[in-house]
Each structure stands twice: as C-alpha cells, then as structure tokens.
Amino acid sequence: MKTIILIRHGESETNTRKVFTGQLNAALTQTGREQARLMAEYLDKYEVDKLYVSSLQRAVDTAKPIVQRQNCPVELCDELMEINSGLWQGLTFVQISERFPDTHAAWKIDIDNAAPDGGETCRQLFDRVTVFLKKVLQEPEETVCFVCHATPIRMLESYFLNKPAQEIPWVPNASVTVYTYDGTFHAAERGSCGFLGSLSSNLPKSI
C-alpha cells in the first residue's frame, strides 16, 4: 500500500496581499516559515521515503524543514507548480474580479472547466498533475510527499475521490492531506492544520 501526503506551502508574501500568485516566485512570510516548521514536526508521525516538491520557491522553502527532519531524497518538479494564471498573475483577487468578471465568476462556480485569461486551463492542470502522480505510483517508495500549491492539490483530490474539483474546498497553508492507495484511493486525513494553532491561514473566500 502506498501513502500519498499532500502539503500546501506556507503563507507567502503574496498570500498576505491577496494576490493571485500563480507561477510567480514568492517568499514565505515569517509566519509561513514558522508554519512550515510546525508542519514538519507534525509530519514526524510518517516516515517519508521521498519528497516531490514544486520548483517554485515558496514550496521549496516549505519543504526544507521536512528534509531536515526526515533526511529523505528530494526531487524538484515543474509538474507540481501552481497553475499558470496568465493575465491574472500578480493581480489581487479584487482586480481580477473587476478586469475579468466573466472568467473569474466561472472560476468560482465551475473551476473544473475554468481558465485564467491567457493561462492554463484547470483541465490542463488536472492532466499535468495526474500524469505525474501515475508515474510516482509506479515507483517503489511506500510513503511519498508532494509539497505544492492549492490548485494542484484540489485537482489531485478530484482525481483521488472521482469528484468534481468544485466540490472540494481549498486547503489551508501548510496543511497536511493524506491518502492511501491499494488500487483505490482512501482519504486518511484532509487539510489538517490544528498543529498551527493561531498561525493557521487560508485562502480568502474571494478566490
């Protein structure tokens, strides 16, 4: 049986400014770094055989405390990057809703079929991360950890659960989501972040 752990990156500087970061590089805030440290401590209950980390800096920095504690191999993966958000990238959620009202409304009510203007469609993102997942499932490691972003995690869970992504809520920063796989995916925990206490942070409802 395989265990797949999904970690969303810690709070980034663009998160605090309510910016759609997409594939921009953004540093973790001090809170984000502390979130990553606490998450890595919580993850001690799992013995991680390999880390697969989005090549964007906020994911790389979130993974560092895990590497220090688990001493496991790490692979940086463009396949786990956040969605390419095209013309939305770097704009606040308010600016997106004002400049692109129709496509932003579609994003909020039917994300499975949505696409940021000039960017990657959510269907393309779904295909990108699930093709990568299927390769990882063929590897010998029993417990693998993906450190990535909110939209890829939502698409992976859509695949795991065979449900529309629209029905799956966003996960908080530095949260832990775990599925096991024995030919079928089984949810073990989702969006766990109680270990963050008052440092817990989430995406705003405006996204």
N, C-alpha and C. Protein backbone atom coordinates (compact mmCIF):
# COMPACT_ATOMS: atom_id res chain seq x y z
N MET A 1 0.85 -1.20 0.00
CA MET A 1 0.00 0.00 0.00
C MET A 1 0.88 1.25 0.00
N LYS A 2 0.47 2.23 -0.78
CA LYS A 2 1.21 3.48 -0.86
C LYS A 2 0.48 4.56 -0.06
N THR A 3 1.27 5.45 0.54
CA THR A 3 0.71 6.61 1.23
C THR A 3 1.17 7.86 0.50
N ILE A 4 0.21 8.72 0.16
CA ILE A 4 0.50 9.97 -0.55
C ILE A 4 0.12 11.13 0.36
N ILE A 5 1.10 11.95 0.69
CA ILE A 5 0.89 13.10 1.57
C ILE A 5 0.96 14.37 0.72
N LEU A 6 -0.06 15.20 0.83
CA LEU A 6 -0.10 16.46 0.09
C LEU A 6 0.05 17.62 1.07
N ILE A 7 1.06 18.45 0.82
CA ILE A 7 1.33 19.61 1.67
C ILE A 7 1.17 20.88 0.83
N ARG A 8 0.34 21.80 1.31
CA ARG A 8 0.32 23.11 0.67
C ARG A 8 1.41 23.98 1.32
N HIS A 9 2.04 24.82 0.51
CA HIS A 9 3.11 25.68 1.02
C HIS A 9 2.62 26.60 2.15
N GLY A 10 3.55 27.08 2.94
CA GLY A 10 3.23 28.02 4.00
C GLY A 10 2.82 29.38 3.44
N GLU A 11 2.36 30.23 4.33
CA GLU A 11 1.90 31.57 3.93
C GLU A 11 3.01 32.32 3.19
N SER A 12 2.68 32.86 2.03
CA SER A 12 3.64 33.63 1.24
C SER A 12 3.33 35.12 1.34
N GLU A 13 4.29 35.92 0.90
CA GLU A 13 4.09 37.36 0.92
C GLU A 13 2.92 37.77 0.03
N THR A 14 2.72 37.06 -1.07
CA THR A 14 1.60 37.39 -1.94
C THR A 14 0.27 36.93 -1.34
N ASN A 15 0.28 35.86 -0.55
CA ASN A 15 -0.94 35.47 0.16
C ASN A 15 -1.44 36.61 1.04
N THR A 16 -0.53 37.26 1.74
CA THR A 16 -0.93 38.32 2.67
C THR A 16 -1.49 39.54 1.92
N ARG A 17 -1.08 39.71 0.66
CA ARG A 17 -1.57 40.83 -0.15
C ARG A 17 -2.77 40.43 -1.00
N LYS A 18 -3.25 39.18 -0.79
CA LYS A 18 -4.41 38.67 -1.54
C LYS A 18 -4.21 38.77 -3.05
N VAL A 19 -3.01 38.32 -3.45
CA VAL A 19 -2.60 38.33 -4.86
C VAL A 19 -2.69 36.92 -5.42
N PHE A 20 -3.14 36.80 -6.66
CA PHE A 20 -3.12 35.51 -7.35
C PHE A 20 -1.69 35.29 -7.83
N THR A 21 -0.96 34.45 -7.13
CA THR A 21 0.48 34.31 -7.37
C THR A 21 0.78 33.48 -8.60
N GLY A 22 0.01 32.41 -8.83
CA GLY A 22 0.28 31.56 -9.97
C GLY A 22 1.70 31.03 -9.96
N GLN A 23 2.40 31.21 -11.06
CA GLN A 23 3.77 30.69 -11.17
C GLN A 23 4.83 31.75 -10.89
N LEU A 24 4.42 32.88 -10.31
CA LEU A 24 5.40 33.82 -9.81
C LEU A 24 6.12 33.22 -8.62
N ASN A 25 7.38 33.58 -8.42
CA ASN A 25 8.07 33.17 -7.20
C ASN A 25 7.76 34.16 -6.10
N ALA A 26 7.43 33.65 -4.95
CA ALA A 26 7.10 34.50 -3.80
C ALA A 26 7.74 33.89 -2.56
N ALA A 27 8.31 34.72 -1.73
CA ALA A 27 8.94 34.24 -0.50
C ALA A 27 7.89 33.94 0.56
N LEU A 28 8.22 33.04 1.47
CA LEU A 28 7.38 32.82 2.64
C LEU A 28 7.50 34.00 3.59
N THR A 29 6.41 34.31 4.26
CA THR A 29 6.48 35.28 5.35
C THR A 29 7.12 34.61 6.57
N GLN A 30 7.38 35.40 7.60
CA GLN A 30 7.86 34.81 8.85
C GLN A 30 6.86 33.80 9.38
N THR A 31 5.56 34.14 9.27
CA THR A 31 4.51 33.18 9.67
C THR A 31 4.60 31.92 8.83
N GLY A 32 4.81 32.08 7.53
CA GLY A 32 4.91 30.92 6.65
C GLY A 32 6.07 30.01 7.01
N ARG A 33 7.18 30.59 7.39
CA ARG A 33 8.34 29.77 7.80
C ARG A 33 8.05 29.03 9.10
N GLU A 34 7.36 29.68 10.02
CA GLU A 34 7.01 29.01 11.27
C GLU A 34 5.96 27.93 11.02
N GLN A 35 5.03 28.19 10.12
CA GLN A 35 4.05 27.17 9.73
C GLN A 35 4.77 25.93 9.18
N ALA A 36 5.76 26.15 8.33
CA ALA A 36 6.50 25.04 7.74
C ALA A 36 7.22 24.23 8.82
N ARG A 37 7.77 24.92 9.79
CA ARG A 37 8.48 24.22 10.88
C ARG A 37 7.50 23.36 11.69
N LEU A 38 6.36 23.91 12.03
CA LEU A 38 5.37 23.17 12.81
C LEU A 38 4.79 22.00 12.02
N MET A 39 4.58 22.22 10.73
CA MET A 39 4.07 21.15 9.88
C MET A 39 5.07 20.00 9.80
N ALA A 40 6.36 20.31 9.68
CA ALA A 40 7.37 19.27 9.60
C ALA A 40 7.42 18.45 10.89
N GLU A 41 7.23 19.11 12.03
CA GLU A 41 7.16 18.38 13.30
C GLU A 41 5.96 17.44 13.31
N TYR A 42 4.82 17.93 12.85
CA TYR A 42 3.61 17.10 12.80
C TYR A 42 3.83 15.89 11.88
N LEU A 43 4.59 16.10 10.82
CA LEU A 43 4.80 15.04 9.83
C LEU A 43 5.72 13.94 10.34
N ASP A 44 6.32 14.14 11.51
CA ASP A 44 7.17 13.10 12.09
C ASP A 44 6.44 11.78 12.31
N LYS A 45 5.09 11.85 12.38
CA LYS A 45 4.35 10.60 12.59
C LYS A 45 4.35 9.71 11.34
N TYR A 46 4.83 10.26 10.22
CA TYR A 46 5.00 9.49 9.00
C TYR A 46 6.49 9.35 8.70
N GLU A 47 6.88 8.24 8.13
CA GLU A 47 8.26 8.07 7.66
C GLU A 47 8.26 8.27 6.16
N VAL A 48 8.65 9.46 5.73
CA VAL A 48 8.59 9.84 4.33
C VAL A 48 9.78 9.24 3.58
N ASP A 49 9.50 8.49 2.52
CA ASP A 49 10.56 7.87 1.72
C ASP A 49 11.11 8.81 0.67
N LYS A 50 10.26 9.70 0.14
CA LYS A 50 10.73 10.64 -0.88
C LYS A 50 9.82 11.86 -0.92
N LEU A 51 10.44 13.01 -1.15
CA LEU A 51 9.72 14.27 -1.30
C LEU A 51 9.72 14.69 -2.77
N TYR A 52 8.55 15.04 -3.28
CA TYR A 52 8.42 15.64 -4.60
C TYR A 52 7.93 17.06 -4.38
N VAL A 53 8.70 18.04 -4.82
CA VAL A 53 8.46 19.43 -4.45
C VAL A 53 8.32 20.30 -5.70
N SER A 54 7.26 21.10 -5.74
CA SER A 54 7.14 22.10 -6.79
C SER A 54 8.40 22.94 -6.82
N SER A 55 8.84 23.30 -8.02
CA SER A 55 10.07 24.07 -8.16
C SER A 55 9.90 25.54 -7.84
N LEU A 56 8.70 25.99 -7.50
CA LEU A 56 8.51 27.37 -7.08
C LEU A 56 9.03 27.58 -5.66
N GLN A 57 9.61 28.74 -5.40
CA GLN A 57 10.38 28.97 -4.17
C GLN A 57 9.57 28.75 -2.90
N ARG A 58 8.29 29.16 -2.90
CA ARG A 58 7.51 29.03 -1.67
C ARG A 58 7.31 27.57 -1.28
N ALA A 59 7.26 26.69 -2.27
CA ALA A 59 7.16 25.25 -1.98
C ALA A 59 8.51 24.70 -1.54
N VAL A 60 9.56 25.12 -2.21
CA VAL A 60 10.92 24.66 -1.86
C VAL A 60 11.23 25.03 -0.41
N ASP A 61 10.91 26.26 -0.02
CA ASP A 61 11.20 26.71 1.35
C ASP A 61 10.32 25.98 2.38
N THR A 62 9.09 25.65 1.99
CA THR A 62 8.22 24.89 2.88
C THR A 62 8.75 23.48 3.11
N ALA A 63 9.39 22.92 2.08
CA ALA A 63 9.90 21.55 2.17
C ALA A 63 11.17 21.43 3.02
N LYS A 64 11.90 22.53 3.18
CA LYS A 64 13.21 22.45 3.83
C LYS A 64 13.15 21.85 5.24
N PRO A 65 12.20 22.24 6.11
CA PRO A 65 12.16 21.62 7.43
C PRO A 65 11.84 20.13 7.39
N ILE A 66 11.07 19.70 6.38
CA ILE A 66 10.77 18.27 6.25
C ILE A 66 12.06 17.52 5.92
N VAL A 67 12.83 18.05 4.98
CA VAL A 67 14.09 17.42 4.59
C VAL A 67 15.02 17.29 5.79
N GLN A 68 15.09 18.35 6.59
CA GLN A 68 15.97 18.35 7.75
C GLN A 68 15.58 17.27 8.76
N ARG A 69 14.28 17.08 8.94
CA ARG A 69 13.81 16.12 9.94
C ARG A 69 13.75 14.69 9.39
N GLN A 70 13.39 14.54 8.12
CA GLN A 70 13.19 13.20 7.56
C GLN A 70 14.45 12.66 6.87
N ASN A 71 15.32 13.57 6.44
CA ASN A 71 16.55 13.16 5.75
C ASN A 71 16.25 12.21 4.59
N CYS A 72 15.28 12.63 3.75
CA CYS A 72 14.86 11.78 2.63
C CYS A 72 15.23 12.43 1.30
N PRO A 73 15.27 11.66 0.23
CA PRO A 73 15.58 12.23 -1.08
C PRO A 73 14.52 13.25 -1.51
N VAL A 74 14.95 14.24 -2.30
CA VAL A 74 14.06 15.31 -2.77
C VAL A 74 14.19 15.44 -4.28
N GLU A 75 13.05 15.62 -4.94
CA GLU A 75 13.05 15.88 -6.38
C GLU A 75 12.21 17.13 -6.63
N LEU A 76 12.81 18.13 -7.31
CA LEU A 76 12.06 19.32 -7.69
C LEU A 76 11.31 19.04 -8.99
N CYS A 77 10.04 19.43 -9.02
CA CYS A 77 9.17 19.00 -10.11
C CYS A 77 8.35 20.18 -10.66
N ASP A 78 8.59 20.52 -11.92
CA ASP A 78 7.76 21.54 -12.56
C ASP A 78 6.30 21.08 -12.67
N GLU A 79 6.11 19.77 -12.70
CA GLU A 79 4.74 19.23 -12.84
C GLU A 79 3.84 19.62 -11.66
N LEU A 80 4.45 19.94 -10.52
CA LEU A 80 3.67 20.28 -9.32
C LEU A 80 3.54 21.78 -9.12
N MET A 81 4.01 22.57 -10.08
CA MET A 81 3.87 24.02 -9.97
C MET A 81 2.39 24.42 -9.95
N GLU A 82 2.13 25.60 -9.39
CA GLU A 82 0.78 26.16 -9.39
C GLU A 82 0.34 26.41 -10.83
N ILE A 83 -0.95 26.59 -11.03
CA ILE A 83 -1.49 26.85 -12.36
C ILE A 83 -0.85 28.10 -12.96
N ASN A 84 -0.56 28.04 -14.25
CA ASN A 84 -0.12 29.23 -14.97
C ASN A 84 -1.35 30.12 -15.12
N SER A 85 -1.33 31.25 -14.41
CA SER A 85 -2.55 32.07 -14.34
C SER A 85 -2.57 33.24 -15.31
N GLY A 86 -1.69 33.22 -16.32
CA GLY A 86 -1.80 34.16 -17.42
C GLY A 86 -1.90 35.61 -16.99
N LEU A 87 -2.93 36.27 -17.47
CA LEU A 87 -3.12 37.71 -17.20
C LEU A 87 -3.56 37.98 -15.76
N TRP A 88 -3.95 36.95 -15.05
CA TRP A 88 -4.34 37.12 -13.64
C TRP A 88 -3.12 37.20 -12.72
N GLN A 89 -2.02 36.67 -13.20
CA GLN A 89 -0.84 36.51 -12.36
C GLN A 89 -0.35 37.86 -11.82
N GLY A 90 -0.21 37.95 -10.51
CA GLY A 90 0.27 39.17 -9.88
C GLY A 90 -0.81 40.17 -9.55
N LEU A 91 -2.06 39.91 -9.98
CA LEU A 91 -3.17 40.80 -9.65
C LEU A 91 -3.82 40.37 -8.34
N THR A 92 -4.43 41.31 -7.65
CA THR A 92 -5.22 40.94 -6.47
C THR A 92 -6.51 40.30 -6.94
N PHE A 93 -7.16 39.57 -6.04
CA PHE A 93 -8.43 38.94 -6.38
C PHE A 93 -9.49 39.98 -6.73
N VAL A 94 -9.44 41.13 -6.09
CA VAL A 94 -10.38 42.22 -6.41
C VAL A 94 -10.13 42.72 -7.82
N GLN A 95 -8.86 42.92 -8.18
CA GLN A 95 -8.53 43.38 -9.53
C GLN A 95 -8.98 42.37 -10.58
N ILE A 96 -8.79 41.09 -10.31
CA ILE A 96 -9.22 40.05 -11.26
C ILE A 96 -10.73 40.11 -11.46
N SER A 97 -11.48 40.24 -10.36
CA SER A 97 -12.95 40.27 -10.48
C SER A 97 -13.42 41.49 -11.25
N GLU A 98 -12.67 42.60 -11.15
CA GLU A 98 -13.05 43.83 -11.86
C GLU A 98 -12.67 43.78 -13.33
N ARG A 99 -11.49 43.23 -13.64
CA ARG A 99 -11.00 43.24 -15.02
C ARG A 99 -11.50 42.06 -15.84
N PHE A 100 -11.75 40.95 -15.18
CA PHE A 100 -12.16 39.72 -15.88
C PHE A 100 -13.38 39.12 -15.18
N PRO A 101 -14.50 39.85 -15.13
CA PRO A 101 -15.64 39.40 -14.31
C PRO A 101 -16.22 38.06 -14.75
N ASP A 102 -16.29 37.81 -16.05
CA ASP A 102 -16.93 36.58 -16.53
C ASP A 102 -16.07 35.35 -16.23
N THR A 103 -14.78 35.42 -16.56
CA THR A 103 -13.93 34.25 -16.33
C THR A 103 -13.67 34.05 -14.84
N HIS A 104 -13.62 35.13 -14.07
CA HIS A 104 -13.44 34.97 -12.63
C HIS A 104 -14.69 34.34 -12.00
N ALA A 105 -15.87 34.73 -12.47
CA ALA A 105 -17.11 34.13 -11.97
C ALA A 105 -17.14 32.64 -12.30
N ALA A 106 -16.69 32.27 -13.50
CA ALA A 106 -16.64 30.86 -13.89
C ALA A 106 -15.68 30.10 -12.99
N TRP A 107 -14.54 30.71 -12.65
CA TRP A 107 -13.56 30.10 -11.75
C TRP A 107 -14.20 29.77 -10.40
N LYS A 108 -15.04 30.66 -9.91
CA LYS A 108 -15.62 30.49 -8.58
C LYS A 108 -16.75 29.46 -8.56
N ILE A 109 -17.47 29.31 -9.68
CA ILE A 109 -18.64 28.43 -9.65
C ILE A 109 -18.45 27.12 -10.43
N ASP A 110 -17.40 27.03 -11.26
CA ASP A 110 -17.19 25.81 -12.05
C ASP A 110 -15.71 25.68 -12.38
N ILE A 111 -14.89 25.51 -11.33
CA ILE A 111 -13.44 25.54 -11.52
C ILE A 111 -12.95 24.41 -12.43
N ASP A 112 -13.69 23.31 -12.50
CA ASP A 112 -13.26 22.20 -13.36
C ASP A 112 -13.13 22.62 -14.82
N ASN A 113 -13.97 23.55 -15.25
CA ASN A 113 -13.98 23.99 -16.64
C ASN A 113 -13.49 25.42 -16.81
N ALA A 114 -12.82 25.96 -15.80
CA ALA A 114 -12.38 27.35 -15.82
C ALA A 114 -10.95 27.48 -16.30
N ALA A 115 -10.58 28.73 -16.62
CA ALA A 115 -9.21 29.04 -17.03
C ALA A 115 -8.95 30.51 -16.79
N PRO A 116 -7.85 30.85 -16.10
CA PRO A 116 -7.45 32.25 -16.04
C PRO A 116 -7.18 32.77 -17.46
N ASP A 117 -7.53 34.02 -17.72
CA ASP A 117 -7.35 34.59 -19.05
C ASP A 117 -5.88 34.51 -19.47
N GLY A 118 -5.63 33.89 -20.62
CA GLY A 118 -4.28 33.78 -21.15
C GLY A 118 -3.43 32.74 -20.45
N GLY A 119 -4.02 31.94 -19.57
CA GLY A 119 -3.25 30.97 -18.80
C GLY A 119 -3.64 29.53 -19.10
N GLU A 120 -3.25 28.67 -18.21
CA GLU A 120 -3.51 27.24 -18.29
C GLU A 120 -4.94 26.96 -17.86
N THR A 121 -5.61 26.04 -18.54
CA THR A 121 -6.94 25.65 -18.09
C THR A 121 -6.81 24.70 -16.90
N CYS A 122 -7.85 24.64 -16.09
CA CYS A 122 -7.83 23.70 -14.97
C CYS A 122 -7.79 22.26 -15.46
N ARG A 123 -8.36 22.00 -16.62
CA ARG A 123 -8.29 20.65 -17.19
C ARG A 123 -6.84 20.32 -17.55
N GLN A 124 -6.11 21.28 -18.09
CA GLN A 124 -4.69 21.05 -18.39
C GLN A 124 -3.89 20.80 -17.11
N LEU A 125 -4.20 21.56 -16.08
CA LEU A 125 -3.54 21.36 -14.79
C LEU A 125 -3.87 19.98 -14.23
N PHE A 126 -5.13 19.58 -14.30
CA PHE A 126 -5.55 18.24 -13.84
C PHE A 126 -4.74 17.18 -14.56
N ASP A 127 -4.63 17.29 -15.88
CA ASP A 127 -3.87 16.30 -16.65
C ASP A 127 -2.40 16.30 -16.25
N ARG A 128 -1.84 17.49 -16.05
CA ARG A 128 -0.42 17.62 -15.69
C ARG A 128 -0.12 16.90 -14.38
N VAL A 129 -0.93 17.15 -13.36
CA VAL A 129 -0.61 16.56 -12.05
C VAL A 129 -0.98 15.09 -11.97
N THR A 130 -2.02 14.67 -12.68
CA THR A 130 -2.39 13.25 -12.58
C THR A 130 -1.45 12.36 -13.40
N VAL A 131 -0.96 12.85 -14.52
CA VAL A 131 0.06 12.08 -15.27
C VAL A 131 1.30 11.90 -14.40
N PHE A 132 1.70 12.97 -13.70
CA PHE A 132 2.85 12.89 -12.80
C PHE A 132 2.57 11.91 -11.67
N LEU A 133 1.40 11.99 -11.06
CA LEU A 133 1.03 11.08 -9.97
C LEU A 133 1.14 9.62 -10.41
N LYS A 134 0.63 9.30 -11.59
CA LYS A 134 0.64 7.92 -12.06
C LYS A 134 2.07 7.39 -12.20
N LYS A 135 3.00 8.27 -12.59
CA LYS A 135 4.41 7.86 -12.65
C LYS A 135 4.94 7.56 -11.25
N VAL A 136 4.60 8.42 -10.29
CA VAL A 136 5.07 8.23 -8.92
C VAL A 136 4.52 6.94 -8.33
N LEU A 137 3.28 6.61 -8.67
CA LEU A 137 2.67 5.38 -8.14
C LEU A 137 3.40 4.13 -8.62
N GLN A 138 4.16 4.25 -9.70
CA GLN A 138 4.93 3.11 -10.20
C GLN A 138 6.28 2.97 -9.52
N GLU A 139 6.67 3.98 -8.75
CA GLU A 139 7.97 3.96 -8.07
C GLU A 139 7.89 3.11 -6.80
N PRO A 140 9.03 2.62 -6.28
CA PRO A 140 9.00 1.67 -5.17
C PRO A 140 8.71 2.28 -3.79
N GLU A 141 8.89 3.59 -3.63
CA GLU A 141 8.71 4.20 -2.30
C GLU A 141 7.28 4.01 -1.80
N GLU A 142 7.15 3.67 -0.53
CA GLU A 142 5.83 3.42 0.05
C GLU A 142 5.12 4.71 0.48
N THR A 143 5.89 5.66 1.04
CA THR A 143 5.30 6.90 1.52
C THR A 143 5.97 8.07 0.82
N VAL A 144 5.18 8.78 0.02
CA VAL A 144 5.70 9.92 -0.74
C VAL A 144 4.96 11.18 -0.32
N CYS A 145 5.63 12.29 -0.45
CA CYS A 145 5.07 13.56 -0.02
C CYS A 145 5.21 14.56 -1.16
N PHE A 146 4.08 15.18 -1.54
CA PHE A 146 4.09 16.25 -2.54
C PHE A 146 3.95 17.58 -1.81
N VAL A 147 4.90 18.46 -2.00
CA VAL A 147 4.81 19.81 -1.43
C VAL A 147 4.52 20.75 -2.59
N CYS A 148 3.32 21.31 -2.60
CA CYS A 148 2.94 22.10 -3.77
C CYS A 148 1.96 23.22 -3.42
N HIS A 149 0.85 23.32 -4.13
CA HIS A 149 0.02 24.52 -4.09
C HIS A 149 -1.46 24.15 -4.05
N ALA A 150 -2.28 25.16 -3.80
CA ALA A 150 -3.71 24.92 -3.55
C ALA A 150 -4.43 24.31 -4.75
N THR A 151 -4.20 24.85 -5.95
CA THR A 151 -4.96 24.34 -7.10
C THR A 151 -4.50 22.95 -7.53
N PRO A 152 -3.21 22.65 -7.59
CA PRO A 152 -2.82 21.26 -7.87
C PRO A 152 -3.37 20.27 -6.84
N ILE A 153 -3.39 20.66 -5.57
CA ILE A 153 -3.94 19.75 -4.55
C ILE A 153 -5.42 19.52 -4.80
N ARG A 154 -6.14 20.57 -5.15
CA ARG A 154 -7.57 20.41 -5.44
C ARG A 154 -7.78 19.47 -6.62
N MET A 155 -6.95 19.57 -7.64
CA MET A 155 -7.08 18.70 -8.81
C MET A 155 -6.70 17.25 -8.46
N LEU A 156 -5.67 17.06 -7.66
CA LEU A 156 -5.30 15.71 -7.25
C LEU A 156 -6.42 15.08 -6.42
N GLU A 157 -7.00 15.84 -5.52
CA GLU A 157 -8.11 15.29 -4.73
C GLU A 157 -9.32 14.97 -5.60
N SER A 158 -9.55 15.77 -6.61
CA SER A 158 -10.63 15.47 -7.56
C SER A 158 -10.41 14.10 -8.19
N TYR A 159 -9.16 13.82 -8.54
CA TYR A 159 -8.82 12.52 -9.12
C TYR A 159 -8.95 11.41 -8.08
N PHE A 160 -8.42 11.62 -6.88
CA PHE A 160 -8.48 10.60 -5.83
C PHE A 160 -9.93 10.20 -5.53
N LEU A 161 -10.78 11.21 -5.41
CA LEU A 161 -12.15 11.00 -4.95
C LEU A 161 -13.14 10.78 -6.09
N ASN A 162 -12.67 10.97 -7.34
CA ASN A 162 -13.54 10.88 -8.51
C ASN A 162 -14.74 11.81 -8.35
N LYS A 163 -14.43 13.04 -7.94
CA LYS A 163 -15.45 14.06 -7.74
C LYS A 163 -15.02 15.33 -8.46
N PRO A 164 -15.97 16.18 -8.86
CA PRO A 164 -15.59 17.48 -9.44
C PRO A 164 -14.77 18.29 -8.44
N ALA A 165 -13.76 18.97 -8.91
CA ALA A 165 -12.95 19.82 -8.03
C ALA A 165 -13.79 20.90 -7.37
N GLN A 166 -14.87 21.31 -8.05
CA GLN A 166 -15.74 22.34 -7.49
C GLN A 166 -16.31 21.93 -6.14
N GLU A 167 -16.43 20.62 -5.91
CA GLU A 167 -16.99 20.12 -4.65
C GLU A 167 -15.94 19.97 -3.55
N ILE A 168 -14.70 20.29 -3.87
CA ILE A 168 -13.59 20.07 -2.93
C ILE A 168 -13.07 21.42 -2.46
N PRO A 169 -13.12 21.72 -1.16
CA PRO A 169 -12.68 23.03 -0.67
C PRO A 169 -11.17 23.21 -0.79
N TRP A 170 -10.76 24.48 -0.81
CA TRP A 170 -9.33 24.80 -0.75
C TRP A 170 -8.75 24.32 0.58
N VAL A 171 -7.50 23.91 0.57
CA VAL A 171 -6.83 23.54 1.83
C VAL A 171 -6.05 24.73 2.37
N PRO A 172 -5.85 24.81 3.68
CA PRO A 172 -5.11 25.92 4.28
C PRO A 172 -3.61 25.85 4.00
N ASN A 173 -2.92 26.96 4.27
CA ASN A 173 -1.46 26.97 4.18
C ASN A 173 -0.85 25.94 5.11
N ALA A 174 0.21 25.29 4.64
CA ALA A 174 0.99 24.33 5.43
C ALA A 174 0.14 23.20 6.02
N SER A 175 -0.97 22.91 5.37
CA SER A 175 -1.84 21.83 5.85
C SER A 175 -1.37 20.48 5.31
N VAL A 176 -1.82 19.43 5.98
CA VAL A 176 -1.44 18.05 5.64
C VAL A 176 -2.68 17.28 5.22
N THR A 177 -2.64 16.74 4.02
CA THR A 177 -3.71 15.90 3.48
C THR A 177 -3.11 14.56 3.10
N VAL A 178 -3.74 13.48 3.52
CA VAL A 178 -3.15 12.15 3.33
C VAL A 178 -4.16 11.19 2.70
N TYR A 179 -3.71 10.48 1.68
CA TYR A 179 -4.49 9.40 1.06
C TYR A 179 -3.63 8.14 1.02
N THR A 180 -4.27 7.01 1.17
CA THR A 180 -3.59 5.74 0.93
C THR A 180 -4.09 5.17 -0.39
N TYR A 181 -3.26 4.30 -0.98
CA TYR A 181 -3.59 3.73 -2.28
C TYR A 181 -3.25 2.25 -2.31
N ASP A 182 -4.26 1.42 -2.55
CA ASP A 182 -4.08 -0.02 -2.67
C ASP A 182 -4.77 -0.53 -3.94
N GLY A 183 -4.76 0.34 -4.94
CA GLY A 183 -5.55 0.11 -6.15
C GLY A 183 -6.74 1.05 -6.17
N THR A 184 -7.13 1.50 -5.00
CA THR A 184 -8.17 2.51 -4.80
C THR A 184 -7.64 3.53 -3.80
N PHE A 185 -8.03 4.77 -3.97
CA PHE A 185 -7.59 5.83 -3.06
C PHE A 185 -8.54 5.94 -1.87
N HIS A 186 -7.97 6.10 -0.69
CA HIS A 186 -8.75 6.24 0.55
C HIS A 186 -8.24 7.46 1.32
N ALA A 187 -9.15 8.35 1.70
CA ALA A 187 -8.76 9.55 2.45
C ALA A 187 -8.46 9.16 3.91
N ALA A 188 -7.29 9.57 4.40
CA ALA A 188 -6.90 9.32 5.79
C ALA A 188 -7.02 10.57 6.63
N GLU A 189 -6.63 11.71 6.09
CA GLU A 189 -6.85 13.00 6.75
C GLU A 189 -6.81 14.08 5.68
N ARG A 190 -7.52 15.18 5.96
CA ARG A 190 -7.62 16.22 4.94
C ARG A 190 -7.49 17.60 5.55
N GLY A 191 -6.58 18.38 5.00
CA GLY A 191 -6.44 19.78 5.41
C GLY A 191 -6.09 19.96 6.86
N SER A 192 -5.41 18.99 7.44
CA SER A 192 -5.06 19.08 8.87
C SER A 192 -4.14 20.27 9.11
N CYS A 193 -4.53 21.12 10.06
CA CYS A 193 -3.69 22.28 10.38
C CYS A 193 -3.86 22.69 11.84
N GLY A 194 -4.48 21.84 12.66
CA GLY A 194 -4.64 22.16 14.07
C GLY A 194 -3.32 22.40 14.77
N PHE A 195 -2.27 21.77 14.26
CA PHE A 195 -0.94 21.92 14.86
C PHE A 195 -0.39 23.34 14.68
N LEU A 196 -1.03 24.15 13.82
CA LEU A 196 -0.58 25.52 13.61
C LEU A 196 -1.14 26.49 14.66
N GLY A 197 -2.18 26.06 15.36
CA GLY A 197 -2.78 26.94 16.37
C GLY A 197 -3.22 28.26 15.77
N SER A 198 -2.83 29.36 16.39
CA SER A 198 -3.25 30.69 15.94
C SER A 198 -2.57 31.11 14.64
N LEU A 199 -1.60 30.34 14.16
CA LEU A 199 -0.90 30.69 12.93
C LEU A 199 -1.60 30.16 11.68
N SER A 200 -2.71 29.47 11.85
CA SER A 200 -3.43 28.92 10.71
C SER A 200 -3.90 30.04 9.76
N SER A 201 -3.76 29.81 8.46
CA SER A 201 -4.20 30.80 7.46
C SER A 201 -4.73 30.07 6.24
N ASN A 202 -5.68 30.71 5.56
CA ASN A 202 -6.37 30.07 4.44
C ASN A 202 -6.56 31.07 3.31
N LEU A 203 -6.96 30.56 2.16
CA LEU A 203 -7.28 31.44 1.05
C LEU A 203 -8.55 32.23 1.35
N PRO A 204 -8.63 33.47 0.91
CA PRO A 204 -9.86 34.25 1.15
C PRO A 204 -11.01 33.71 0.31
N LYS A 205 -12.23 33.95 0.77
CA LYS A 205 -13.40 33.47 0.05
C LYS A 205 -13.52 34.11 -1.33
N SER A 206 -12.88 35.26 -1.53
CA SER A 206 -12.98 35.98 -2.80
C SER A 206 -12.32 35.24 -3.95
N ILE A 207 -11.50 34.23 -3.66
CA ILE A 207 -10.89 33.48 -4.76
C ILE A 207 -11.87 32.45 -5.31
